[in-house]
Amino acid sequence: MGVIKKKTITRGTEGGVKYICDVCSADITNTVRIRCAHSACNDYDLCVPCFAKGASTRDHDPRTHSYSVIEQHSIPIYTKDWGADEELLLLEGAELYGLGSWSDVADHIGGYRTKEEVRDHYIGTYIESFKFPLPERADPKDDSLREEMPREKFQARKKRRIEERKEAAKTAPPATPKQKPTASVPACHEVQGYMPGRLEFETEFANEAEEAVQHMQFDPGDGVNPRTGEVEPEMELKLVVMDIYNSRLTARGDRKKVIFEHNLLDYRKNAALDKKRTKEERDLLNKAKPFARMMNHGDFDAFTSGLEYEHNLRQAIAQLQDWRQMRIGDLKSGEKYEQEKQQRASRPAPTGSFDRFASARSVAKPTPPIETPSATTALTAPELPERLKPLVVTAPKGPLTNGTANGSLTPSKANYVVLPLGSNISPRLTNENATDLHLLTKEEAELCNVLRIMPKPYLVIKESLLKEAMKTGGMLKRKVAREVAKIDATKSGRIFDFFVHSGWIQKA
C-alpha cells in the first residue's frame, strides 16, 4: 500500500497525504515516484532507487508490469500561491470529507494550510469564477501564469512559507493544558464511565462488537483451496464478519469524534451554560444537536447562535404585533404594558365567575384609612335615592338558582317597555348584522332594536351620559341628556328614561 490517507498529524501542521515506498518505506511525497499500473498492484509506489534496482515485494513483477512516472506538480496553474498538487488535494479532500469540512480538507492538503485559506481559495477560484464551475484559467493553452511564476521561484516561495509557519508554530505560546485526573479510572472524571488516560469509555458504542472476532484466527495459507485455488466459504464468512466489525469500529470512532470536538466531556461547564438559557432556548438547542455530527464546534456554535437570534427576533415581532393590537405606539408605553401584564398574571384568580372586579382585589385586604367625603364617593353617600344605594341581601338557603350569583340575589324590578318610534318595523339586531351585540344586556339590546341604534354608538352615548351624571352627583336633566347624546330628541328621551328606570342616573 503506497498511500497513507490516515491523518496522524495534528491540525495546522505540514500534514497532508503521505506516499511511502513499498520496498524501503522511504517518504516519497515530495519527489518523483514510480507507480505500478498493473491491475494486480493497487496503490503500489516505488522510489527511484528501488525501481532502478528492480526491487519488488508482494505480487509486483517489475519485468512484466507496466508503470507510470509521477512527478511533483508543484507549479501554479490557477493562482500564484497554490500549486497544481495542492489543487488536486483540495478537490480530493472536498470529495472525501464534503464541502464545508474545511478543517479536514486543510489537513488533507497539508503544508500548514489553514481552513480559512482553503475556504477562501475554493470560493474565490471555483465558485466566484465567471467560467463557473471551471476556474478562470482552466484553458490548457493558458501559460501566462506559468511564465509569470516559474517552477523554481514558486517552489522557493512555498518552501519559505512552510518554514516561516513552522517557526511560528514553534514560538507560539502553548495552549493551556486541560487538567486531567491522576488516574485513568471512571471515578476520576466528571462524566461517569469515561477514562481520560485511554480516551475510552467503560461502555463503548457497540460494546459487544469484539465478541464476534475474539476467537477468530487467520493462519498463513488458510482460506484457499489448494486444488481449485478458490476462497473457501469459511474464509468468506470470516471476511464478512471482519467487515462488520470494522464498520462498528468506524461508527464508534465517529461518535467519539463528536464528543471530543464539541467538548461534551466538560459536564459542569456545559451544565452551567445550560442553566443560563431559557426553556425555549434549551428546547431549540436540543432540537439542533443532531446537526453537531456534521459540523465542527465553531460552525455549530455559529449555527445555534443564529437559531437563537432568529427565535429572539420572532418573539420581539410577536410582542410588537401585540402592542400594535393594543394601540401602543411607543416603547415606554409598551414597557408599562408588559409590567402591568405581568402583575395581572401574578394576581390570584377571581373568587366568582360573575364578579367582574374580583381580580382587582388583594388576597389580604388591609384596614382602609378614614377618608373625608369627596366627589368620587358622592355616588355612595347615604342621601342618594333608594335605587342607587347598594342592595344588601342575605344569601339564600339551598342551592343557587338562576338570578343568583356569589351569594347575592338580583332584585326583581318591572321590565322597562320601550315605546316604538313609528309604524315602520326595522329588522332585529343579530350577531350577523351587529358585531358588538354581545356587549349589551338583554334590555339594552331590546332598546337598540326599537330605537334602531347600533350597539357601538349606543355604548358611546351611554358612556357620555354617565360621565356627565358623575359631574353633578348622579343627577341629570333631560335637556342636558339630549345635548350630550347629539341624536334625535325622541331617541335621546327614550334612552334617558331607560337609564332613570335602570337606576344609573337620577332625574334632576
Protein backbone atom coordinates (compact mmCIF):
# COMPACT_ATOMS: atom_id res chain seq x y z
CA MET A 1 0.00 0.00 0.00
CA GLY A 2 1.77 3.15 -1.18
CA VAL A 3 -0.75 5.77 0.05
CA ILE A 4 -1.34 6.57 3.70
CA LYS A 5 -4.57 8.56 4.00
CA LYS A 6 -4.98 8.18 7.73
CA LYS A 7 -4.40 11.53 9.38
CA THR A 8 -1.88 11.11 12.19
CA ILE A 9 -0.71 14.75 12.38
CA THR A 10 -2.45 17.48 14.32
CA ARG A 11 -4.30 20.25 12.54
CA GLY A 12 -2.41 23.30 11.34
CA THR A 13 0.83 21.39 10.59
CA GLU A 14 2.52 20.19 7.42
CA GLY A 15 0.31 17.09 7.33
CA GLY A 16 -1.32 16.06 4.07
CA VAL A 17 -1.32 12.77 2.17
CA LYS A 18 1.90 10.81 2.53
CA TYR A 19 3.35 8.46 -0.11
CA ILE A 20 5.66 5.70 1.13
CA CYS A 21 7.85 3.40 -0.93
CA ASP A 22 6.50 -0.15 -0.65
CA VAL A 23 10.03 -1.62 -0.64
CA CYS A 24 12.23 0.60 1.54
CA SER A 25 9.42 2.59 3.28
CA ALA A 26 11.05 5.89 2.36
CA ASP A 27 8.96 9.06 2.22
CA ILE A 28 8.49 9.92 -1.46
CA THR A 29 5.74 12.53 -1.05
CA ASN A 30 7.77 15.48 -2.32
CA THR A 31 9.79 13.73 -5.01
CA VAL A 32 9.35 11.70 -8.19
CA ARG A 33 7.78 8.28 -7.64
CA ILE A 34 7.04 5.24 -9.79
CA ARG A 35 3.51 3.78 -9.62
CA CYS A 36 2.68 0.32 -10.88
CA ALA A 37 -0.15 0.41 -13.43
CA HIS A 38 -0.93 -3.31 -13.35
CA SER A 39 -4.33 -4.42 -12.01
CA ALA A 40 -2.69 -6.83 -9.54
CA CYS A 41 -0.94 -3.95 -7.71
CA ASN A 42 -3.26 -1.46 -6.02
CA ASP A 43 -1.60 1.82 -4.96
CA TYR A 44 1.87 0.32 -5.32
CA ASP A 45 4.57 3.05 -5.30
CA LEU A 46 8.37 2.82 -5.57
CA CYS A 47 11.14 5.30 -5.07
CA VAL A 48 13.56 5.86 -7.97
CA PRO A 49 16.49 3.91 -6.40
CA CYS A 50 14.33 0.84 -5.69
CA PHE A 51 12.87 0.99 -9.20
CA ALA A 52 16.37 1.18 -10.69
CA LYS A 53 17.43 -1.92 -8.72
CA GLY A 54 14.38 -3.86 -9.85
CA ALA A 55 13.29 -4.45 -6.24
CA SER A 56 9.78 -5.71 -5.62
CA THR A 57 7.51 -7.11 -2.93
CA ARG A 58 4.22 -8.99 -2.86
CA ASP A 59 2.72 -9.62 -6.29
CA HIS A 60 4.68 -6.90 -8.10
CA ASP A 61 6.78 -8.16 -11.03
CA PRO A 62 8.95 -5.36 -12.47
CA ARG A 63 9.73 -7.44 -15.59
CA THR A 64 6.19 -7.65 -16.86
CA HIS A 65 4.15 -4.95 -15.06
CA SER A 66 3.68 -1.61 -16.72
CA TYR A 67 4.32 1.54 -14.72
CA SER A 68 3.89 5.32 -14.77
CA VAL A 69 6.21 8.07 -13.60
CA ILE A 70 4.52 10.61 -11.33
CA GLU A 71 6.30 13.91 -10.90
CA GLN A 72 5.69 16.58 -8.31
CA HIS A 73 3.16 19.03 -9.75
CA SER A 74 4.42 21.96 -7.71
CA ILE A 75 3.62 24.64 -10.28
CA PRO A 76 0.90 27.32 -10.18
CA ILE A 77 -1.99 26.79 -12.59
CA TYR A 78 -4.91 28.91 -11.26
CA THR A 79 -3.36 31.32 -8.71
CA LYS A 80 0.17 32.41 -7.83
CA ASP A 81 0.25 30.88 -4.35
CA TRP A 82 -1.39 27.47 -5.00
CA GLY A 83 0.31 24.67 -6.88
CA ALA A 84 -1.27 22.00 -9.06
CA ASP A 85 -0.58 19.34 -6.44
CA GLU A 86 -2.45 21.38 -3.83
CA GLU A 87 -5.35 21.94 -6.23
CA LEU A 88 -5.64 18.17 -6.72
CA LEU A 89 -5.53 17.54 -2.98
CA LEU A 90 -8.15 20.25 -2.47
CA LEU A 91 -10.60 18.61 -4.85
CA GLU A 92 -9.83 15.18 -3.45
CA GLY A 93 -10.37 16.37 0.12
CA ALA A 94 -13.64 18.06 -0.82
CA GLU A 95 -14.81 14.78 -2.35
CA LEU A 96 -13.75 12.74 0.67
CA TYR A 97 -14.95 14.98 3.51
CA GLY A 98 -17.56 17.16 1.82
CA LEU A 99 -17.74 20.90 1.22
CA GLY A 100 -17.82 22.78 4.50
CA SER A 101 -15.43 20.45 6.35
CA TRP A 102 -12.58 22.87 5.67
CA SER A 103 -10.51 21.76 8.65
CA ASP A 104 -10.42 18.17 7.37
CA VAL A 105 -9.68 19.37 3.83
CA ALA A 106 -6.84 21.57 5.13
CA ASP A 107 -5.38 18.58 6.97
CA HIS A 108 -5.64 16.56 3.76
CA ILE A 109 -3.73 19.23 1.80
CA GLY A 110 -1.05 19.81 4.45
CA GLY A 111 1.69 22.42 4.01
CA TYR A 112 0.43 24.37 7.06
CA ARG A 113 -2.69 25.43 5.17
CA THR A 114 -5.44 26.77 7.43
CA LYS A 115 -9.14 26.16 6.95
CA GLU A 116 -9.70 29.87 6.22
CA GLU A 117 -7.13 29.78 3.40
CA VAL A 118 -8.69 26.65 1.92
CA ARG A 119 -12.23 28.02 2.13
CA ASP A 120 -11.36 31.42 0.63
CA HIS A 121 -9.32 29.85 -2.17
CA TYR A 122 -12.07 27.41 -3.13
CA ILE A 123 -14.76 30.10 -3.14
CA GLY A 124 -12.63 32.65 -4.98
CA THR A 125 -11.20 30.25 -7.57
CA TYR A 126 -14.13 27.94 -8.30
CA ILE A 127 -17.39 29.43 -7.02
CA GLU A 128 -16.88 33.11 -7.96
CA SER A 129 -15.29 32.32 -11.33
CA PHE A 130 -17.08 33.76 -14.38
CA LYS A 131 -16.49 30.34 -16.01
CA PHE A 132 -18.24 28.52 -13.14
CA PRO A 133 -17.88 25.61 -12.43
CA LEU A 134 -14.43 25.87 -14.05
CA PRO A 135 -11.72 28.26 -12.83
CA GLU A 136 -10.90 31.34 -14.88
CA ARG A 137 -7.54 29.85 -16.07
CA ALA A 138 -8.99 26.46 -16.97
CA ASP A 139 -7.79 26.69 -20.58
CA PRO A 140 -4.86 24.22 -21.07
CA LYS A 141 -3.26 26.64 -23.54
CA ASP A 142 -3.12 29.46 -20.97
CA ASP A 143 0.58 29.61 -19.95
CA SER A 144 0.62 33.23 -18.74
CA LEU A 145 0.72 32.29 -15.04
CA ARG A 146 3.42 29.68 -15.61
CA GLU A 147 5.59 32.23 -17.39
CA GLU A 148 4.96 34.85 -14.69
CA MET A 149 5.75 32.42 -11.85
CA PRO A 150 8.37 29.79 -12.88
CA ARG A 151 8.61 26.45 -11.10
CA GLU A 152 11.84 27.30 -9.24
CA LYS A 153 10.51 30.61 -7.95
CA PHE A 154 7.21 29.08 -6.87
CA GLN A 155 8.86 26.16 -5.04
CA ALA A 156 11.23 28.56 -3.25
CA ARG A 157 8.28 30.67 -2.09
CA LYS A 158 6.39 27.56 -0.95
CA LYS A 159 9.39 26.28 0.99
CA ARG A 160 9.89 29.68 2.62
CA ARG A 161 6.21 29.86 3.58
CA ILE A 162 6.28 26.39 5.18
CA GLU A 163 9.44 27.21 7.14
CA GLU A 164 8.01 30.52 8.39
CA ARG A 165 4.80 28.90 9.59
CA LYS A 166 6.72 26.05 11.17
CA GLU A 167 8.85 28.53 13.14
CA ALA A 168 5.73 30.50 14.08
CA ALA A 169 4.13 27.30 15.36
CA LYS A 170 7.20 26.58 17.48
CA THR A 171 7.34 30.06 19.01
CA ALA A 172 3.59 30.29 19.57
CA PRO A 173 2.55 30.17 23.24
CA PRO A 174 1.41 26.69 24.18
CA ALA A 175 -2.25 26.17 24.78
CA THR A 176 -3.32 25.80 28.38
CA PRO A 177 -3.35 22.07 29.04
CA LYS A 178 -6.51 20.61 30.43
CA GLN A 179 -6.38 19.41 33.99
CA LYS A 180 -6.60 15.66 33.81
CA PRO A 181 -7.04 13.34 36.75
CA THR A 182 -4.08 11.41 38.02
CA ALA A 183 -5.66 8.01 37.45
CA SER A 184 -7.38 6.82 34.29
CA VAL A 185 -10.40 5.37 36.00
CA PRO A 186 -14.09 6.22 35.62
CA ALA A 187 -14.33 7.68 39.15
CA CYS A 188 -11.76 10.44 38.39
CA HIS A 189 -13.73 12.35 35.77
CA GLU A 190 -16.85 14.47 35.51
CA VAL A 191 -18.53 12.01 33.15
CA GLN A 192 -19.17 8.66 34.74
CA GLY A 193 -17.62 5.78 32.83
CA TYR A 194 -15.01 7.86 30.96
CA MET A 195 -11.31 7.00 31.25
CA PRO A 196 -9.35 10.10 30.12
CA GLY A 197 -5.92 8.48 30.11
CA ARG A 198 -7.07 5.96 27.50
CA LEU A 199 -9.63 8.25 25.82
CA GLU A 200 -12.14 5.45 26.16
CA PHE A 201 -15.40 4.78 27.92
CA GLU A 202 -16.19 1.96 30.25
CA THR A 203 -19.10 1.06 28.00
CA GLU A 204 -18.40 1.88 24.37
CA PHE A 205 -20.76 2.10 21.43
CA ALA A 206 -21.44 -1.45 20.17
CA ASN A 207 -19.65 -2.75 23.25
CA GLU A 208 -20.16 -6.39 22.24
CA ALA A 209 -18.58 -5.94 18.79
CA GLU A 210 -15.32 -7.63 19.85
CA GLU A 211 -17.11 -10.80 20.95
CA ALA A 212 -17.69 -11.85 17.32
CA VAL A 213 -13.96 -11.72 16.44
CA GLN A 214 -12.23 -12.57 19.74
CA HIS A 215 -11.73 -16.28 18.85
CA MET A 216 -11.18 -15.77 15.11
CA GLN A 217 -7.81 -16.94 13.76
CA PHE A 218 -6.06 -16.30 10.43
CA ASP A 219 -3.11 -18.56 9.61
CA PRO A 220 -0.87 -18.19 6.53
CA GLY A 221 -2.25 -20.21 3.63
CA ASP A 222 -5.69 -20.71 5.19
CA GLY A 223 -8.89 -19.98 3.29
CA VAL A 224 -7.72 -21.03 -0.19
CA ASN A 225 -8.49 -24.43 -1.62
CA PRO A 226 -5.13 -25.86 -2.88
CA ARG A 227 -6.82 -27.89 -5.62
CA THR A 228 -9.14 -25.27 -7.09
CA GLY A 229 -7.45 -22.07 -5.87
CA GLU A 230 -10.80 -20.60 -4.80
CA VAL A 231 -11.53 -18.94 -1.47
CA GLU A 232 -13.30 -21.26 0.91
CA PRO A 233 -16.76 -20.30 2.26
CA GLU A 234 -15.45 -20.24 5.82
CA MET A 235 -12.86 -17.61 4.89
CA GLU A 236 -15.51 -15.56 3.10
CA LEU A 237 -17.66 -15.67 6.23
CA LYS A 238 -14.70 -14.53 8.34
CA LEU A 239 -14.04 -11.62 6.00
CA VAL A 240 -17.69 -10.57 6.15
CA VAL A 241 -17.59 -10.66 9.95
CA MET A 242 -14.41 -8.58 9.93
CA ASP A 243 -16.05 -6.02 7.63
CA ILE A 244 -18.98 -5.75 10.04
CA TYR A 245 -16.58 -5.36 12.95
CA ASN A 246 -14.62 -2.63 11.16
CA SER A 247 -17.82 -0.74 10.34
CA ARG A 248 -18.78 -0.79 14.03
CA LEU A 249 -15.33 0.50 14.98
CA THR A 250 -15.74 3.30 12.46
CA ALA A 251 -19.14 4.22 13.92
CA ARG A 252 -17.63 4.15 17.41
CA GLY A 253 -14.81 6.46 16.33
CA ASP A 254 -17.26 8.87 14.69
CA ARG A 255 -19.22 9.18 17.93
CA LYS A 256 -16.06 9.77 19.93
CA LYS A 257 -15.04 12.43 17.44
CA VAL A 258 -18.31 14.29 18.04
CA ILE A 259 -17.80 14.09 21.82
CA PHE A 260 -14.24 15.41 21.70
CA GLU A 261 -14.93 18.02 19.00
CA HIS A 262 -17.81 19.65 20.90
CA ASN A 263 -16.27 19.38 24.40
CA LEU A 264 -19.15 17.28 25.70
CA LEU A 265 -16.92 15.87 28.43
CA ASP A 266 -16.86 19.24 30.25
CA TYR A 267 -20.10 18.41 32.00
CA ARG A 268 -20.00 21.10 34.71
CA LYS A 269 -19.18 23.88 32.26
CA ASN A 270 -21.91 22.81 29.85
CA ALA A 271 -24.43 22.47 32.68
CA ALA A 272 -23.61 25.99 33.92
CA LEU A 273 -24.10 27.41 30.43
CA ASP A 274 -27.34 25.47 30.05
CA LYS A 275 -28.76 27.00 33.24
CA LYS A 276 -28.30 30.50 31.82
CA ARG A 277 -30.52 29.70 28.84
CA THR A 278 -34.28 29.99 28.85
CA LYS A 279 -36.53 26.97 28.43
CA GLU A 280 -37.24 27.90 24.80
CA GLU A 281 -33.52 28.22 24.06
CA ARG A 282 -32.79 24.84 25.67
CA ASP A 283 -35.52 23.17 23.62
CA LEU A 284 -34.18 24.82 20.47
CA LEU A 285 -30.63 23.67 21.24
CA ASN A 286 -31.77 20.10 21.88
CA LYS A 287 -33.54 20.03 18.51
CA ALA A 288 -30.37 21.29 16.77
CA LYS A 289 -27.99 18.80 18.43
CA PRO A 290 -28.27 16.14 15.65
CA PHE A 291 -26.58 18.64 13.28
CA ALA A 292 -23.48 18.63 15.51
CA ARG A 293 -22.41 15.31 13.95
CA MET A 294 -21.75 17.00 10.62
CA MET A 295 -20.21 20.29 11.90
CA ASN A 296 -17.18 21.30 13.88
CA HIS A 297 -17.55 23.14 17.18
CA GLY A 298 -17.17 26.65 15.78
CA ASP A 299 -19.63 26.13 12.94
CA PHE A 300 -22.17 24.52 15.30
CA ASP A 301 -21.88 27.44 17.74
CA ALA A 302 -22.47 29.88 14.90
CA PHE A 303 -25.43 27.78 13.71
CA THR A 304 -27.08 27.63 17.15
CA SER A 305 -26.39 31.34 17.76
CA GLY A 306 -28.21 32.09 14.52
CA LEU A 307 -31.16 29.94 15.58
CA GLU A 308 -31.34 31.69 18.97
CA TYR A 309 -31.14 35.09 17.27
CA GLU A 310 -33.97 34.12 14.93
CA HIS A 311 -36.02 32.87 17.90
CA ASN A 312 -35.50 36.15 19.75
CA LEU A 313 -36.47 38.12 16.65
CA ARG A 314 -39.68 36.13 16.30
CA GLN A 315 -40.52 36.81 19.96
CA ALA A 316 -39.83 40.52 19.52
CA ILE A 317 -42.00 40.62 16.38
CA ALA A 318 -44.84 38.86 18.21
CA GLN A 319 -44.53 41.34 21.09
CA LEU A 320 -44.62 44.31 18.71
CA GLN A 321 -47.70 42.86 16.99
CA ASP A 322 -49.36 42.50 20.39
CA TRP A 323 -48.52 46.14 21.21
CA ARG A 324 -49.88 47.25 17.87
CA GLN A 325 -53.13 45.39 18.51
CA MET A 326 -53.38 47.18 21.87
CA ARG A 327 -52.82 50.57 20.16
CA ILE A 328 -49.41 51.07 21.82
CA GLY A 329 -47.22 53.39 19.79
CA ASP A 330 -44.02 53.98 21.80
CA LEU A 331 -41.50 51.89 23.71
CA LYS A 332 -42.21 53.46 27.10
CA SER A 333 -45.92 52.60 26.90
CA GLY A 334 -45.01 49.10 25.76
CA GLU A 335 -42.76 48.52 28.77
CA LYS A 336 -45.50 49.79 31.07
CA TYR A 337 -47.99 47.46 29.40
CA GLU A 338 -45.68 44.47 29.88
CA GLN A 339 -45.21 45.31 33.58
CA GLU A 340 -48.95 45.57 34.12
CA LYS A 341 -49.45 42.36 32.18
CA GLN A 342 -47.05 40.53 34.50
CA GLN A 343 -48.80 42.00 37.52
CA ARG A 344 -52.18 40.79 36.26
CA ALA A 345 -50.77 37.34 35.62
CA SER A 346 -49.36 37.14 39.15
CA ARG A 347 -52.68 38.01 40.78
CA PRO A 348 -54.86 35.20 42.15
CA ALA A 349 -57.89 34.03 40.20
CA PRO A 350 -61.23 35.78 40.89
CA THR A 351 -63.38 34.22 43.62
CA GLY A 352 -66.53 34.10 41.49
CA SER A 353 -67.28 33.89 37.81
CA PHE A 354 -69.76 36.81 37.97
CA ASP A 355 -67.57 39.13 39.98
CA ARG A 356 -66.11 41.49 37.38
CA PHE A 357 -63.79 43.27 39.76
CA ALA A 358 -62.59 40.32 41.80
CA SER A 359 -59.19 40.31 40.08
CA ALA A 360 -58.51 43.83 41.34
CA ARG A 361 -58.88 42.81 44.97
CA SER A 362 -55.93 41.68 47.03
CA VAL A 363 -55.83 38.45 48.98
CA ALA A 364 -55.47 40.12 52.36
CA LYS A 365 -57.38 43.39 52.48
CA PRO A 366 -55.76 45.98 54.77
CA THR A 367 -57.85 48.16 57.01
CA PRO A 368 -58.96 51.12 54.87
CA PRO A 369 -57.96 54.52 56.22
CA ILE A 370 -60.60 57.07 57.21
CA GLU A 371 -61.13 59.46 54.35
CA THR A 372 -63.16 62.61 54.05
CA PRO A 373 -66.07 62.56 51.56
CA SER A 374 -65.07 63.58 48.07
CA ALA A 375 -66.64 63.85 44.66
CA THR A 376 -65.74 60.26 43.83
CA THR A 377 -67.53 58.95 46.91
CA ALA A 378 -70.61 61.09 46.42
CA LEU A 379 -72.45 58.35 44.49
CA THR A 380 -72.33 56.06 47.53
CA ALA A 381 -73.49 58.69 50.06
CA PRO A 382 -76.50 57.75 52.24
CA GLU A 383 -78.58 60.69 50.93
CA LEU A 384 -78.77 59.17 47.44
CA PRO A 385 -82.10 57.77 46.22
CA GLU A 386 -83.00 54.31 47.35
CA ARG A 387 -82.42 52.71 43.95
CA LEU A 388 -78.82 53.96 43.86
CA LYS A 389 -77.91 52.51 47.28
CA PRO A 390 -76.18 49.15 47.36
CA LEU A 391 -78.64 46.35 47.90
CA VAL A 392 -77.80 44.16 50.92
CA VAL A 393 -79.48 40.78 50.67
CA THR A 394 -78.66 37.74 52.75
CA ALA A 395 -77.50 34.63 50.96
CA PRO A 396 -80.31 32.17 50.11
CA LYS A 397 -80.58 28.85 51.78
CA GLY A 398 -80.18 25.93 49.46
CA PRO A 399 -78.54 25.66 46.04
CA LEU A 400 -78.10 28.69 43.80
CA THR A 401 -80.65 29.16 41.02
CA ASN A 402 -80.99 31.43 38.03
CA GLY A 403 -80.64 35.04 39.10
CA THR A 404 -78.28 34.19 41.98
CA ALA A 405 -74.51 34.80 41.87
CA ASN A 406 -71.83 34.72 44.56
CA GLY A 407 -74.33 34.52 47.38
CA SER A 408 -76.29 37.64 46.33
CA LEU A 409 -79.79 37.91 44.93
CA THR A 410 -80.63 40.08 41.96
CA PRO A 411 -83.54 42.33 42.93
CA SER A 412 -86.61 41.93 40.82
CA LYS A 413 -87.98 45.04 39.11
CA ALA A 414 -90.51 45.72 36.40
CA ASN A 415 -89.12 45.49 32.92
CA TYR A 416 -88.87 48.77 31.04
CA VAL A 417 -91.11 48.80 27.97
CA VAL A 418 -89.72 50.87 25.15
CA LEU A 419 -92.37 52.60 23.09
CA PRO A 420 -91.88 52.19 19.34
CA LEU A 421 -90.93 55.18 17.25
CA GLY A 422 -93.45 54.61 14.47
CA SER A 423 -95.27 52.05 12.42
CA ASN A 424 -92.19 51.04 10.43
CA ILE A 425 -90.77 47.72 11.61
CA SER A 426 -87.00 47.55 11.37
CA PRO A 427 -85.09 44.26 11.18
CA ARG A 428 -83.92 42.96 14.53
CA LEU A 429 -80.27 43.18 15.51
CA THR A 430 -78.38 39.88 15.41
CA ASN A 431 -74.76 38.81 15.74
CA GLU A 432 -74.52 38.79 11.96
CA ASN A 433 -75.58 42.41 11.32
CA ALA A 434 -74.34 43.83 14.68
CA THR A 435 -70.96 42.51 15.72
CA ASP A 436 -70.97 44.25 19.15
CA LEU A 437 -74.37 42.97 20.24
CA HIS A 438 -72.83 40.63 22.80
CA LEU A 439 -71.64 43.65 24.82
CA LEU A 440 -75.23 44.66 25.69
CA THR A 441 -77.65 43.26 28.22
CA LYS A 442 -80.98 41.83 27.14
CA GLU A 443 -82.85 45.07 27.98
CA GLU A 444 -80.24 47.22 26.21
CA ALA A 445 -80.43 45.03 23.12
CA GLU A 446 -84.21 45.43 23.07
CA LEU A 447 -83.81 49.21 23.45
CA CYS A 448 -81.42 49.35 20.49
CA ASN A 449 -83.79 47.18 18.42
CA VAL A 450 -86.74 49.51 18.98
CA LEU A 451 -84.77 52.76 18.60
CA ARG A 452 -82.83 51.40 15.62
CA ILE A 453 -79.41 52.24 17.09
CA MET A 454 -76.35 50.07 16.54
CA PRO A 455 -74.61 48.76 19.70
CA LYS A 456 -71.37 50.68 19.30
CA PRO A 457 -72.95 54.20 19.02
CA TYR A 458 -75.24 53.31 21.93
CA LEU A 459 -72.25 52.44 24.12
CA VAL A 460 -70.64 55.79 23.28
CA ILE A 461 -73.85 57.62 24.25
CA LYS A 462 -74.08 55.60 27.45
CA GLU A 463 -70.51 56.45 28.45
CA SER A 464 -71.05 60.16 27.73
CA LEU A 465 -74.27 60.34 29.76
CA LEU A 466 -72.80 58.52 32.77
CA LYS A 467 -69.72 60.78 32.77
CA GLU A 468 -71.94 63.85 32.66
CA ALA A 469 -74.06 62.47 35.52
CA MET A 470 -70.93 61.86 37.61
CA LYS A 471 -70.13 65.58 37.43
CA THR A 472 -73.47 66.52 39.05
CA GLY A 473 -73.65 63.81 41.69
CA GLY A 474 -75.65 61.32 39.62
CA MET A 475 -78.41 63.76 38.59
CA LEU A 476 -79.09 64.75 35.00
CA LYS A 477 -81.68 66.81 33.17
CA ARG A 478 -83.43 65.58 30.05
CA LYS A 479 -82.34 68.66 28.12
CA VAL A 480 -78.69 68.07 29.03
CA ALA A 481 -79.00 64.41 28.04
CA ARG A 482 -80.36 65.46 24.63
CA GLU A 483 -77.43 67.86 24.13
CA VAL A 484 -74.85 65.25 25.17
CA ALA A 485 -76.33 62.44 23.04
CA LYS A 486 -76.50 64.61 19.88
CA ILE A 487 -79.15 62.40 18.27
CA ASP A 488 -82.87 62.62 17.61
CA ALA A 489 -84.73 64.13 20.59
CA THR A 490 -87.20 61.26 20.77
CA LYS A 491 -84.47 58.64 20.84
CA SER A 492 -82.41 60.53 23.42
CA GLY A 493 -85.51 60.88 25.59
CA ARG A 494 -86.21 57.14 25.48
CA ILE A 495 -82.56 56.42 26.38
CA PHE A 496 -82.79 58.93 29.26
CA ASP A 497 -85.95 57.27 30.59
CA PHE A 498 -84.32 53.85 30.34
CA PHE A 499 -81.26 54.99 32.34
CA VAL A 500 -83.52 56.54 35.02
CA HIS A 501 -85.58 53.34 35.23
CA SER A 502 -82.43 51.23 35.49
CA GLY A 503 -81.14 53.40 38.35
CA TRP A 504 -77.96 54.51 36.61
CA ILE A 505 -78.84 58.24 36.83
CA GLN A 506 -81.36 60.36 38.72
CA LYS A 507 -83.75 62.73 37.03
CA ALA A 508 -82.98 66.29 38.06
